[in-house]
PDB file of all heavy atoms in Angstrom:
ATOM      1  N   ASP A   1       0.824  -1.231   0.059  1.00  0.00           N
ATOM      2  CA  ASP A   1      -0.091   0.029  -0.027  1.00  0.00           C
ATOM      3  C   ASP A   1       0.895   1.243  -0.046  1.00  0.00           C
ATOM      4  O   ASP A   1       0.565   2.302  -0.606  1.00  0.00           O
ATOM      5  CB  ASP A   1      -0.967  -0.012   1.267  1.00  0.00           C
ATOM      6  CG  ASP A   1      -2.058  -1.070   0.990  1.00  0.00           C
ATOM      7  OD1 ASP A   1      -2.324  -1.445  -0.010  1.00  0.00           O
ATOM      8  OD2 ASP A   1      -2.725  -1.396   2.131  1.00  0.00           O
ATOM      9  N   SER A   2       2.045   1.190   0.633  1.00  0.00           N
ATOM     10  CA  SER A   2       2.874   2.380   0.872  1.00  0.00           C
ATOM     11  C   SER A   2       3.503   2.857  -0.489  1.00  0.00           C
ATOM     12  O   SER A   2       3.993   3.884  -0.561  1.00  0.00           O
ATOM     13  CB  SER A   2       3.858   2.147   1.767  1.00  0.00           C
ATOM     14  OG  SER A   2       4.643   1.006   1.532  1.00  0.00           O
ATOM     15  N   VAL A   3       3.486   1.824  -1.477  1.00  0.00           N
ATOM     16  CA  VAL A   3       4.173   2.302  -2.742  1.00  0.00           C
ATOM     17  C   VAL A   3       3.200   2.343  -3.923  1.00  0.00           C
ATOM     18  O   VAL A   3       3.642   2.713  -5.013  1.00  0.00           O
ATOM     19  CB  VAL A   3       5.354   1.366  -3.056  1.00  0.00           C
ATOM     20  CG1 VAL A   3       6.360   1.257  -1.898  1.00  0.00           C
ATOM     21  CG2 VAL A   3       4.910  -0.055  -3.379  1.00  0.00           C
ATOM     22  N   LYS A   4       1.933   2.016  -3.690  1.00  0.00           N
ATOM     23  CA  LYS A   4       0.995   1.952  -4.816  1.00  0.00           C
ATOM     24  C   LYS A   4       0.889   3.272  -5.473  1.00  0.00           C
ATOM     25  O   LYS A   4       0.831   4.367  -4.796  1.00  0.00           O
ATOM     26  CB  LYS A   4      -0.264   1.534  -4.319  1.00  0.00           C
ATOM     27  CG  LYS A   4      -0.565   0.095  -4.157  1.00  0.00           C
ATOM     28  CD  LYS A   4      -1.865  -0.263  -3.595  1.00  0.00           C
ATOM     29  CE  LYS A   4      -2.082  -1.783  -3.387  1.00  0.00           C
ATOM     30  NZ  LYS A   4      -3.487  -2.182  -2.838  1.00  0.00           N
ATOM     31  N   GLY A   5       0.930   3.282  -6.861  1.00  0.00           N
ATOM     32  CA  GLY A   5       0.737   4.602  -7.494  1.00  0.00           C
ATOM     33  C   GLY A   5       2.167   5.288  -7.704  1.00  0.00           C
ATOM     34  O   GLY A   5       2.365   6.177  -8.459  1.00  0.00           O
ATOM     35  N   ARG A   6       3.262   4.802  -7.000  1.00  0.00           N
ATOM     36  CA  ARG A   6       4.459   5.468  -7.255  1.00  0.00           C
ATOM     37  C   ARG A   6       5.633   4.433  -7.836  1.00  0.00           C
ATOM     38  O   ARG A   6       6.487   4.876  -8.575  1.00  0.00           O
ATOM     39  CB  ARG A   6       4.970   5.912  -5.878  1.00  0.00           C
ATOM     40  CG  ARG A   6       4.185   6.871  -5.136  1.00  0.00           C
ATOM     41  CD  ARG A   6       4.777   7.405  -3.831  1.00  0.00           C
ATOM     42  NE  ARG A   6       5.036   6.506  -2.854  1.00  0.00           N
ATOM     43  CZ  ARG A   6       6.234   6.163  -2.346  1.00  0.00           C
ATOM     44  NH1 ARG A   6       7.151   6.732  -2.753  1.00  0.00           N
ATOM     45  NH2 ARG A   6       6.250   5.270  -1.421  1.00  0.00           N
ATOM     46  N   PHE A   7       5.475   3.191  -7.628  1.00  0.00           N
ATOM     47  CA  PHE A   7       6.475   2.160  -7.901  1.00  0.00           C
ATOM     48  C   PHE A   7       5.739   1.409  -9.042  1.00  0.00           C
ATOM     49  O   PHE A   7       4.526   1.007  -8.953  1.00  0.00           O
ATOM     50  CB  PHE A   7       6.899   1.225  -6.828  1.00  0.00           C
ATOM     51  CG  PHE A   7       7.755   2.027  -5.825  1.00  0.00           C
ATOM     52  CD1 PHE A   7       7.884   3.263  -5.696  1.00  0.00           C
ATOM     53  CD2 PHE A   7       8.379   1.197  -4.862  1.00  0.00           C
ATOM     54  CE1 PHE A   7       8.686   3.991  -4.715  1.00  0.00           C
ATOM     55  CE2 PHE A   7       9.141   1.693  -3.775  1.00  0.00           C
ATOM     56  CZ  PHE A   7       9.361   3.108  -3.846  1.00  0.00           C
ATOM     57  N   THR A   8       6.614   0.830  -9.897  1.00  0.00           N
ATOM     58  CA  THR A   8       6.118  -0.081 -11.039  1.00  0.00           C
ATOM     59  C   THR A   8       7.054  -1.211 -11.182  1.00  0.00           C
ATOM     60  O   THR A   8       8.310  -0.844 -11.404  1.00  0.00           O
ATOM     61  CB  THR A   8       5.960   0.629 -12.292  1.00  0.00           C
ATOM     62  OG1 THR A   8       4.988   1.709 -12.148  1.00  0.00           O
ATOM     63  CG2 THR A   8       5.319  -0.323 -13.307  1.00  0.00           C
ATOM     64  N   ILE A   9       6.646  -2.467 -11.090  1.00  0.00           N
ATOM     65  CA  ILE A   9       7.600  -3.606 -11.259  1.00  0.00           C
ATOM     66  C   ILE A   9       7.346  -4.085 -12.662  1.00  0.00           C
ATOM     67  O   ILE A   9       6.146  -3.967 -13.268  1.00  0.00           O
ATOM     68  CB  ILE A   9       7.272  -4.791 -10.172  1.00  0.00           C
ATOM     69  CG1 ILE A   9       8.320  -5.794 -10.399  1.00  0.00           C
ATOM     70  CG2 ILE A   9       5.845  -5.196 -10.450  1.00  0.00           C
ATOM     71  CD1 ILE A   9       8.125  -6.786  -9.252  1.00  0.00           C
ATOM     72  N   SER A  10       8.373  -4.577 -13.319  1.00  0.00           N
ATOM     73  CA  SER A  10       8.299  -5.105 -14.659  1.00  0.00           C
ATOM     74  C   SER A  10       9.449  -6.182 -14.797  1.00  0.00           C
ATOM     75  O   SER A  10      10.289  -6.257 -14.078  1.00  0.00           O
ATOM     76  CB  SER A  10       8.382  -4.040 -15.652  1.00  0.00           C
ATOM     77  OG  SER A  10       9.620  -3.427 -15.698  1.00  0.00           O
ATOM     78  N   ARG A  11       9.215  -6.997 -15.817  1.00  0.00           N
ATOM     79  CA  ARG A  11      10.247  -8.015 -16.102  1.00  0.00           C
ATOM     80  C   ARG A  11      10.564  -8.071 -17.619  1.00  0.00           C
ATOM     81  O   ARG A  11       9.628  -7.902 -18.417  1.00  0.00           O
ATOM     82  CB  ARG A  11       9.895  -9.381 -15.519  1.00  0.00           C
ATOM     83  CG  ARG A  11       8.555  -9.956 -16.106  1.00  0.00           C
ATOM     84  CD  ARG A  11       8.197 -11.204 -15.389  1.00  0.00           C
ATOM     85  NE  ARG A  11       9.208 -12.232 -15.572  1.00  0.00           N
ATOM     86  CZ  ARG A  11       9.188 -13.444 -14.868  1.00  0.00           C
ATOM     87  NH1 ARG A  11       8.295 -13.604 -13.861  1.00  0.00           N
ATOM     88  NH2 ARG A  11      10.041 -14.462 -15.248  1.00  0.00           N
ATOM     89  N   ASP A  12      11.833  -8.310 -17.952  1.00  0.00           N
ATOM     90  CA  ASP A  12      12.105  -8.512 -19.337  1.00  0.00           C
ATOM     91  C   ASP A  12      12.817  -9.938 -19.393  1.00  0.00           C
ATOM     92  O   ASP A  12      13.966 -10.016 -19.130  1.00  0.00           O
ATOM     93  CB  ASP A  12      13.177  -7.368 -19.808  1.00  0.00           C
ATOM     94  CG  ASP A  12      13.434  -7.478 -21.252  1.00  0.00           C
ATOM     95  OD1 ASP A  12      13.340  -8.524 -21.893  1.00  0.00           O
ATOM     96  OD2 ASP A  12      13.918  -6.435 -21.912  1.00  0.00           O
ATOM     97  N   ASN A  13      12.140 -10.851 -19.820  1.00  0.00           N
ATOM     98  CA  ASN A  13      12.622 -12.206 -19.856  1.00  0.00           C
ATOM     99  C   ASN A  13      13.759 -12.327 -20.912  1.00  0.00           C
ATOM    100  O   ASN A  13      14.610 -13.207 -20.616  1.00  0.00           O
ATOM    101  CB  ASN A  13      11.514 -13.205 -20.215  1.00  0.00           C
ATOM    102  CG  ASN A  13      10.497 -13.439 -19.116  1.00  0.00           C
ATOM    103  OD1 ASN A  13      10.720 -13.093 -18.169  1.00  0.00           O
ATOM    104  ND2 ASN A  13       9.345 -14.001 -19.563  1.00  0.00           N
ATOM    105  N   ALA A  14      13.780 -11.471 -21.886  1.00  0.00           N
ATOM    106  CA  ALA A  14      14.954 -11.569 -22.893  1.00  0.00           C
ATOM    107  C   ALA A  14      16.122 -11.150 -22.385  1.00  0.00           C
ATOM    108  O   ALA A  14      17.264 -11.587 -22.691  1.00  0.00           O
ATOM    109  CB  ALA A  14      14.491 -10.772 -24.090  1.00  0.00           C
ATOM    110  N   LYS A  15      16.068 -10.252 -21.289  1.00  0.00           N
ATOM    111  CA  LYS A  15      17.388  -9.744 -20.639  1.00  0.00           C
ATOM    112  C   LYS A  15      17.515 -10.554 -19.307  1.00  0.00           C
ATOM    113  O   LYS A  15      18.512 -10.071 -18.555  1.00  0.00           O
ATOM    114  CB  LYS A  15      17.230  -8.328 -20.495  1.00  0.00           C
ATOM    115  CG  LYS A  15      17.221  -7.521 -21.804  1.00  0.00           C
ATOM    116  CD  LYS A  15      17.265  -6.011 -21.523  1.00  0.00           C
ATOM    117  CE  LYS A  15      17.266  -5.285 -22.934  1.00  0.00           C
ATOM    118  NZ  LYS A  15      17.398  -3.792 -22.740  1.00  0.00           N
ATOM    119  N   ASN A  16      16.631 -11.367 -18.889  1.00  0.00           N
ATOM    120  CA  ASN A  16      16.725 -12.013 -17.610  1.00  0.00           C
ATOM    121  C   ASN A  16      16.806 -11.047 -16.455  1.00  0.00           C
ATOM    122  O   ASN A  16      17.552 -11.173 -15.544  1.00  0.00           O
ATOM    123  CB  ASN A  16      17.987 -12.898 -17.541  1.00  0.00           C
ATOM    124  CG  ASN A  16      18.038 -13.949 -18.635  1.00  0.00           C
ATOM    125  OD1 ASN A  16      17.072 -14.446 -19.157  1.00  0.00           O
ATOM    126  ND2 ASN A  16      19.288 -14.288 -19.013  1.00  0.00           N
ATOM    127  N   THR A  17      16.086  -9.990 -16.540  1.00  0.00           N
ATOM    128  CA  THR A  17      16.036  -8.879 -15.601  1.00  0.00           C
ATOM    129  C   THR A  17      14.580  -8.518 -15.111  1.00  0.00           C
ATOM    130  O   THR A  17      13.635  -8.515 -15.874  1.00  0.00           O
ATOM    131  CB  THR A  17      16.737  -7.718 -16.269  1.00  0.00           C
ATOM    132  OG1 THR A  17      18.107  -8.112 -16.594  1.00  0.00           O
ATOM    133  CG2 THR A  17      16.918  -6.576 -15.222  1.00  0.00           C
ATOM    134  N   VAL A  18      14.507  -8.166 -13.803  1.00  0.00           N
ATOM    135  CA  VAL A  18      13.321  -7.618 -13.336  1.00  0.00           C
ATOM    136  C   VAL A  18      13.639  -6.233 -12.780  1.00  0.00           C
ATOM    137  O   VAL A  18      14.765  -5.877 -12.340  1.00  0.00           O
ATOM    138  CB  VAL A  18      12.823  -8.445 -12.025  1.00  0.00           C
ATOM    139  CG1 VAL A  18      11.631  -7.716 -11.389  1.00  0.00           C
ATOM    140  CG2 VAL A  18      12.512  -9.851 -12.588  1.00  0.00           C
ATOM    141  N   TYR A  19      12.740  -5.300 -12.999  1.00  0.00           N
ATOM    142  CA  TYR A  19      12.949  -3.810 -12.730  1.00  0.00           C
ATOM    143  C   TYR A  19      11.995  -3.368 -11.587  1.00  0.00           C
ATOM    144  O   TYR A  19      10.941  -3.886 -11.413  1.00  0.00           O
ATOM    145  CB  TYR A  19      12.906  -3.062 -13.979  1.00  0.00           C
ATOM    146  CG  TYR A  19      13.721  -3.371 -15.183  1.00  0.00           C
ATOM    147  CD1 TYR A  19      13.188  -4.087 -16.123  1.00  0.00           C
ATOM    148  CD2 TYR A  19      14.966  -2.844 -15.112  1.00  0.00           C
ATOM    149  CE1 TYR A  19      14.141  -4.433 -17.156  1.00  0.00           C
ATOM    150  CE2 TYR A  19      15.887  -3.306 -16.195  1.00  0.00           C
ATOM    151  CZ  TYR A  19      15.357  -4.138 -17.265  1.00  0.00           C
ATOM    152  OH  TYR A  19      16.274  -4.456 -18.238  1.00  0.00           O
ATOM    153  N   LEU A  20      12.355  -2.289 -10.983  1.00  0.00           N
ATOM    154  CA  LEU A  20      11.534  -1.660 -10.049  1.00  0.00           C
ATOM    155  C   LEU A  20      11.706  -0.151 -10.351  1.00  0.00           C
ATOM    156  O   LEU A  20      12.687   0.387  -9.963  1.00  0.00           O
ATOM    157  CB  LEU A  20      11.848  -1.922  -8.631  1.00  0.00           C
ATOM    158  CG  LEU A  20      10.871  -1.322  -7.630  1.00  0.00           C
ATOM    159  CD1 LEU A  20       9.394  -1.982  -7.835  1.00  0.00           C
ATOM    160  CD2 LEU A  20      11.221  -1.525  -6.190  1.00  0.00           C
ATOM    161  N   GLN A  21      10.667   0.473 -11.017  1.00  0.00           N
ATOM    162  CA  GLN A  21      10.743   1.917 -11.222  1.00  0.00           C
ATOM    163  C   GLN A  21      10.137   2.598 -10.093  1.00  0.00           C
ATOM    164  O   GLN A  21       8.919   2.279  -9.683  1.00  0.00           O
ATOM    165  CB  GLN A  21      10.074   2.262 -12.618  1.00  0.00           C
ATOM    166  CG  GLN A  21       9.905   3.696 -12.809  1.00  0.00           C
ATOM    167  CD  GLN A  21      11.261   4.347 -13.078  1.00  0.00           C
ATOM    168  OE1 GLN A  21      11.998   3.738 -13.930  1.00  0.00           O
ATOM    169  NE2 GLN A  21      11.461   5.491 -12.551  1.00  0.00           N
ATOM    170  N   MET A  22      10.874   3.496  -9.497  1.00  0.00           N
ATOM    171  CA  MET A  22      10.419   4.144  -8.197  1.00  0.00           C
ATOM    172  C   MET A  22      10.345   5.667  -8.408  1.00  0.00           C
ATOM    173  O   MET A  22      11.471   6.222  -8.826  1.00  0.00           O
ATOM    174  CB  MET A  22      11.338   3.851  -7.064  1.00  0.00           C
ATOM    175  CG  MET A  22      11.600   2.363  -6.736  1.00  0.00           C
ATOM    176  SD  MET A  22      12.629   2.038  -5.253  1.00  0.00           S
ATOM    177  CE  MET A  22      14.117   2.679  -5.776  1.00  0.00           C
ATOM    178  N   ASN A  23       9.192   6.139  -8.448  1.00  0.00           N
ATOM    179  CA  ASN A  23       8.903   7.641  -8.558  1.00  0.00           C
ATOM    180  C   ASN A  23       8.459   8.207  -7.289  1.00  0.00           C
ATOM    181  O   ASN A  23       7.953   7.551  -6.396  1.00  0.00           O
ATOM    182  CB  ASN A  23       7.936   7.768  -9.796  1.00  0.00           C
ATOM    183  CG  ASN A  23       8.384   7.326 -11.113  1.00  0.00           C
ATOM    184  OD1 ASN A  23       9.595   7.315 -11.357  1.00  0.00           O
ATOM    185  ND2 ASN A  23       7.506   6.861 -11.938  1.00  0.00           N
ATOM    186  N   SER A  24       8.400   9.451  -7.280  1.00  0.00           N
ATOM    187  CA  SER A  24       7.966  10.297  -5.978  1.00  0.00           C
ATOM    188  C   SER A  24       8.528   9.738  -4.847  1.00  0.00           C
ATOM    189  O   SER A  24       7.714   9.504  -3.796  1.00  0.00           O
ATOM    190  CB  SER A  24       6.476  10.246  -6.111  1.00  0.00           C
ATOM    191  OG  SER A  24       5.953  10.838  -7.233  1.00  0.00           O
ATOM    192  N   LEU A  25       9.782   9.591  -4.771  1.00  0.00           N
ATOM    193  CA  LEU A  25      10.381   8.893  -3.653  1.00  0.00           C
ATOM    194  C   LEU A  25      10.267   9.733  -2.356  1.00  0.00           C
ATOM    195  O   LEU A  25      10.329  10.967  -2.438  1.00  0.00           O
ATOM    196  CB  LEU A  25      11.890   8.569  -3.921  1.00  0.00           C
ATOM    197  CG  LEU A  25      11.971   7.298  -4.781  1.00  0.00           C
ATOM    198  CD1 LEU A  25      13.459   7.229  -5.321  1.00  0.00           C
ATOM    199  CD2 LEU A  25      11.862   6.033  -3.971  1.00  0.00           C
ATOM    200  N   LYS A  26      10.115   8.971  -1.255  1.00  0.00           N
ATOM    201  CA  LYS A  26      10.036   9.698   0.096  1.00  0.00           C
ATOM    202  C   LYS A  26      11.097   9.166   1.002  1.00  0.00           C
ATOM    203  O   LYS A  26      11.604   8.152   0.838  1.00  0.00           O
ATOM    204  CB  LYS A  26       8.604   9.332   0.691  1.00  0.00           C
ATOM    205  CG  LYS A  26       7.395   9.622  -0.197  1.00  0.00           C
ATOM    206  CD  LYS A  26       6.137   9.181   0.443  1.00  0.00           C
ATOM    207  CE  LYS A  26       5.015   9.383  -0.302  1.00  0.00           C
ATOM    208  NZ  LYS A  26       3.671   8.900   0.173  1.00  0.00           N
ATOM    209  N   PRO A  27      11.450   9.968   2.070  1.00  0.00           N
ATOM    210  CA  PRO A  27      12.449   9.561   2.964  1.00  0.00           C
ATOM    211  C   PRO A  27      12.178   8.236   3.538  1.00  0.00           C
ATOM    212  O   PRO A  27      13.056   7.438   3.836  1.00  0.00           O
ATOM    213  CB  PRO A  27      12.460  10.639   4.095  1.00  0.00           C
ATOM    214  CG  PRO A  27      12.124  11.847   3.202  1.00  0.00           C
ATOM    215  CD  PRO A  27      10.951  11.494   2.297  1.00  0.00           C
ATOM    216  N   GLU A  28      10.787   7.839   3.734  1.00  0.00           N
ATOM    217  CA  GLU A  28      10.491   6.592   4.362  1.00  0.00           C
ATOM    218  C   GLU A  28      10.745   5.487   3.315  1.00  0.00           C
ATOM    219  O   GLU A  28      10.568   4.234   3.770  1.00  0.00           O
ATOM    220  CB  GLU A  28       9.045   6.575   4.780  1.00  0.00           C
ATOM    221  CG  GLU A  28       8.140   6.964   3.869  1.00  0.00           C
ATOM    222  CD  GLU A  28       7.771   8.595   4.031  1.00  0.00           C
ATOM    223  OE1 GLU A  28       8.649   9.425   4.261  1.00  0.00           O
ATOM    224  OE2 GLU A  28       6.487   8.934   3.941  1.00  0.00           O
ATOM    225  N   ASP A  29      11.009   5.749   2.165  1.00  0.00           N
ATOM    226  CA  ASP A  29      11.405   4.624   1.213  1.00  0.00           C
ATOM    227  C   ASP A  29      12.903   4.247   1.405  1.00  0.00           C
ATOM    228  O   ASP A  29      13.367   3.285   0.653  1.00  0.00           O
ATOM    229  CB  ASP A  29      11.265   5.083  -0.290  1.00  0.00           C
ATOM    230  CG  ASP A  29       9.758   5.412  -0.607  1.00  0.00           C
ATOM    231  OD1 ASP A  29       8.983   4.522  -0.155  1.00  0.00           O
ATOM    232  OD2 ASP A  29       9.511   6.344  -1.217  1.00  0.00           O
ATOM    233  N   THR A  30      13.604   4.932   2.244  1.00  0.00           N
ATOM    234  CA  THR A  30      15.103   4.584   2.402  1.00  0.00           C
ATOM    235  C   THR A  30      15.185   3.194   3.023  1.00  0.00           C
ATOM    236  O   THR A  30      14.557   2.889   4.087  1.00  0.00           O
ATOM    237  CB  THR A  30      15.687   5.576   3.453  1.00  0.00           C
ATOM    238  OG1 THR A  30      15.732   6.838   2.814  1.00  0.00           O
ATOM    239  CG2 THR A  30      17.141   5.217   3.757  1.00  0.00           C
TER     240      THR A  30
END
């Protein structure tokens, strides 16, 4: 709940990689 609307998870199977895009970061995300 604390990251909904701000973070986005995705995966690229071709690159064997999972990503986490983090926007509107807050000090409590540290």
